[in-house]
Amino acid sequence: MPEKFKRLTDTFFVSPQISLDEVSSAAEAGFALIVNNRPDGEMAGQPPSADIQAEAEKAGIKYVYIPIDGRGLSLSHISALKSAIDETNGGKAIGYCASGTRSAILYSYLAAFEGRPSEDIIADAANAGFNISQHGPALDNLAARAKTDDE
């Protein structure tokens, strides 16, 4: 597995932009899902999402495109990620963007929405090299919202 694939949880990893060759490495490492959080055309030279998707499908990996641009995250991003992960039935997933940060934040918001404590989420991100502590209040709000929805 490429060193740049950073573990957030046992089943979710994040990475900076992946190459076509790294899709094969992801397959060899047992990933069931690749989540692209990087909008096409964000930077010159980045592989188009369609190329990564084709390579993923060739390797037998599910691929989803959930671009996050400068407008930030929305509940639709969280919902799309949840649906994609649910379809893997517990399989390993990797999200990528330019640096891995947007993917880490998106997964963190999903984890909060599913009721994980923000302290644990922030610690997991820090262990992977991402400081998302400024998102603590938003994570707490999502967790509270999820708890209210469950009642």
Protein backbone atom coordinates (compact mmCIF):
# COMPACT_ATOMS: atom_id res chain seq x y z
CA MET A 1 0.00 0.00 0.00
CA PRO A 2 1.40 3.43 -0.86
CA GLU A 3 2.77 5.26 2.18
CA LYS A 4 0.66 8.29 1.32
CA PHE A 5 -2.53 6.31 2.09
CA LYS A 6 -3.23 7.53 5.65
CA ARG A 7 -5.43 5.49 7.99
CA LEU A 8 -8.28 7.36 9.71
CA THR A 9 -10.06 4.19 10.86
CA ASP A 10 -9.68 0.48 10.17
CA THR A 11 -11.89 0.87 7.10
CA PHE A 12 -11.35 4.46 5.89
CA PHE A 13 -8.11 5.94 4.59
CA VAL A 14 -7.30 9.27 2.92
CA SER A 15 -4.70 10.37 0.43
CA PRO A 16 -3.50 13.23 -1.69
CA GLN A 17 -4.24 12.90 -5.41
CA ILE A 18 -3.80 9.29 -6.50
CA SER A 19 -2.31 8.21 -9.80
CA LEU A 20 -3.58 5.56 -12.15
CA ASP A 21 -0.83 3.21 -10.91
CA GLU A 22 -1.92 3.74 -7.32
CA VAL A 23 -5.41 2.47 -8.17
CA SER A 24 -3.81 -0.95 -8.75
CA SER A 25 -1.99 -0.62 -5.43
CA ALA A 26 -5.31 0.15 -3.75
CA ALA A 27 -6.81 -3.00 -5.26
CA GLU A 28 -3.84 -5.07 -4.07
CA ALA A 29 -4.28 -3.61 -0.58
CA GLY A 30 -7.91 -4.75 -0.52
CA PHE A 31 -9.74 -1.46 -1.00
CA ALA A 32 -13.34 -1.83 -2.11
CA LEU A 33 -14.07 1.87 -2.70
CA ILE A 34 -12.28 4.95 -4.02
CA VAL A 35 -13.90 8.32 -3.26
CA ASN A 36 -12.74 11.28 -5.34
CA ASN A 37 -13.33 14.56 -3.50
CA ARG A 38 -11.32 16.64 -5.95
CA PRO A 39 -13.17 18.62 -8.62
CA ASP A 40 -11.94 18.00 -12.16
CA GLY A 41 -9.71 20.76 -13.48
CA GLU A 42 -8.74 22.02 -10.04
CA MET A 43 -5.07 21.99 -11.02
CA ALA A 44 -3.22 21.48 -14.27
CA GLY A 45 -1.95 17.95 -14.72
CA GLN A 46 -4.32 16.18 -12.34
CA PRO A 47 -5.80 13.00 -13.81
CA PRO A 48 -9.44 13.43 -14.87
CA SER A 49 -11.94 11.67 -12.63
CA ALA A 50 -13.11 9.57 -15.59
CA ASP A 51 -9.60 8.11 -15.96
CA ILE A 52 -9.39 7.17 -12.27
CA GLN A 53 -12.91 5.74 -12.46
CA ALA A 54 -12.04 3.59 -15.49
CA GLU A 55 -8.91 2.29 -13.77
CA ALA A 56 -10.85 1.57 -10.56
CA GLU A 57 -13.55 -0.32 -12.42
CA LYS A 58 -10.89 -2.31 -14.29
CA ALA A 59 -9.37 -3.23 -10.90
CA GLY A 60 -12.78 -4.22 -9.47
CA ILE A 61 -13.04 -1.25 -7.11
CA LYS A 62 -16.21 0.83 -6.74
CA TYR A 63 -15.58 4.52 -7.54
CA VAL A 64 -17.61 7.56 -6.54
CA TYR A 65 -17.08 11.20 -7.44
CA ILE A 66 -18.07 13.56 -4.62
CA PRO A 67 -16.23 16.79 -5.46
CA ILE A 68 -15.78 19.38 -2.73
CA ASP A 69 -15.01 22.84 -4.02
CA GLY A 70 -14.44 26.20 -2.33
CA ARG A 71 -18.06 26.36 -1.20
CA GLY A 72 -17.32 23.68 1.40
CA LEU A 73 -19.20 20.65 2.65
CA SER A 74 -22.92 20.08 2.71
CA LEU A 75 -25.22 17.40 4.06
CA SER A 76 -25.47 16.06 0.50
CA HIS A 77 -21.71 15.36 0.53
CA ILE A 78 -22.07 13.49 3.82
CA SER A 79 -25.08 11.55 2.54
CA ALA A 80 -23.30 10.59 -0.69
CA LEU A 81 -20.27 9.33 1.24
CA LYS A 82 -22.48 7.35 3.63
CA SER A 83 -24.32 5.70 0.73
CA ALA A 84 -21.08 4.77 -1.01
CA ILE A 85 -19.57 3.32 2.16
CA ASP A 86 -22.76 1.42 3.00
CA GLU A 87 -22.62 -0.26 -0.41
CA THR A 88 -19.19 -1.74 0.39
CA ASN A 89 -20.60 -3.73 3.36
CA GLY A 90 -17.68 -2.87 5.61
CA GLY A 91 -14.99 -2.95 2.93
CA LYS A 92 -12.00 -0.63 3.06
CA ALA A 93 -12.41 2.76 1.40
CA ILE A 94 -10.02 5.54 0.46
CA GLY A 95 -10.93 9.16 -0.17
CA TYR A 96 -8.61 11.52 -1.99
CA CYS A 97 -8.32 15.18 -2.91
CA ALA A 98 -5.33 17.47 -3.47
CA SER A 99 -3.81 16.91 -0.02
CA GLY A 100 -6.19 14.47 1.68
CA THR A 101 -7.56 17.16 4.01
CA ARG A 102 -10.99 17.57 2.39
CA SER A 103 -11.42 13.81 2.37
CA ALA A 104 -10.43 13.59 6.05
CA ILE A 105 -12.87 16.37 6.96
CA LEU A 106 -15.72 14.82 4.96
CA TYR A 107 -15.23 11.44 6.62
CA SER A 108 -14.97 13.15 10.01
CA TYR A 109 -18.31 14.86 9.46
CA LEU A 110 -19.88 11.54 8.54
CA ALA A 111 -18.42 9.92 11.67
CA ALA A 112 -19.86 12.74 13.79
CA PHE A 113 -23.22 12.42 12.08
CA GLU A 114 -23.12 8.73 12.98
CA GLY A 115 -22.55 9.65 16.62
CA ARG A 116 -18.81 9.27 17.16
CA PRO A 117 -17.44 11.69 19.77
CA SER A 118 -15.62 14.65 18.24
CA GLU A 119 -12.58 14.07 20.48
CA ASP A 120 -12.11 10.59 18.97
CA ILE A 121 -12.62 11.87 15.43
CA ILE A 122 -10.12 14.70 15.91
CA ALA A 123 -7.60 12.28 17.45
CA ASP A 124 -7.93 9.84 14.51
CA ALA A 125 -7.36 12.68 12.05
CA ALA A 126 -4.34 13.92 14.04
CA ASN A 127 -2.86 10.40 14.03
CA ALA A 128 -3.13 10.50 10.23
CA GLY A 129 -1.42 13.91 10.10
CA PHE A 130 -4.45 16.19 9.81
CA ASN A 131 -5.28 18.94 12.32
CA ILE A 132 -9.04 19.33 12.16
CA SER A 133 -9.49 20.62 15.70
CA GLN A 134 -11.12 23.82 14.39
CA HIS A 135 -14.00 21.61 13.20
CA GLY A 136 -14.79 20.46 16.76
CA PRO A 137 -17.89 22.65 17.19
CA ALA A 138 -19.32 21.58 13.83
CA LEU A 139 -18.63 17.92 14.64
CA ASP A 140 -20.41 18.35 17.98
CA ASN A 141 -23.39 19.96 16.23
CA LEU A 142 -23.63 17.10 13.74
CA ALA A 143 -23.46 14.52 16.52
CA ALA A 144 -26.20 16.35 18.44
CA ARG A 145 -28.32 16.53 15.29
CA ALA A 146 -27.89 12.81 14.66
CA LYS A 147 -28.86 12.06 18.25
CA THR A 148 -32.00 14.18 17.88
CA ASP A 149 -32.87 12.42 14.62
CA ASP A 150 -32.58 9.03 16.38
CA GLU A 151 -35.00 9.97 19.14
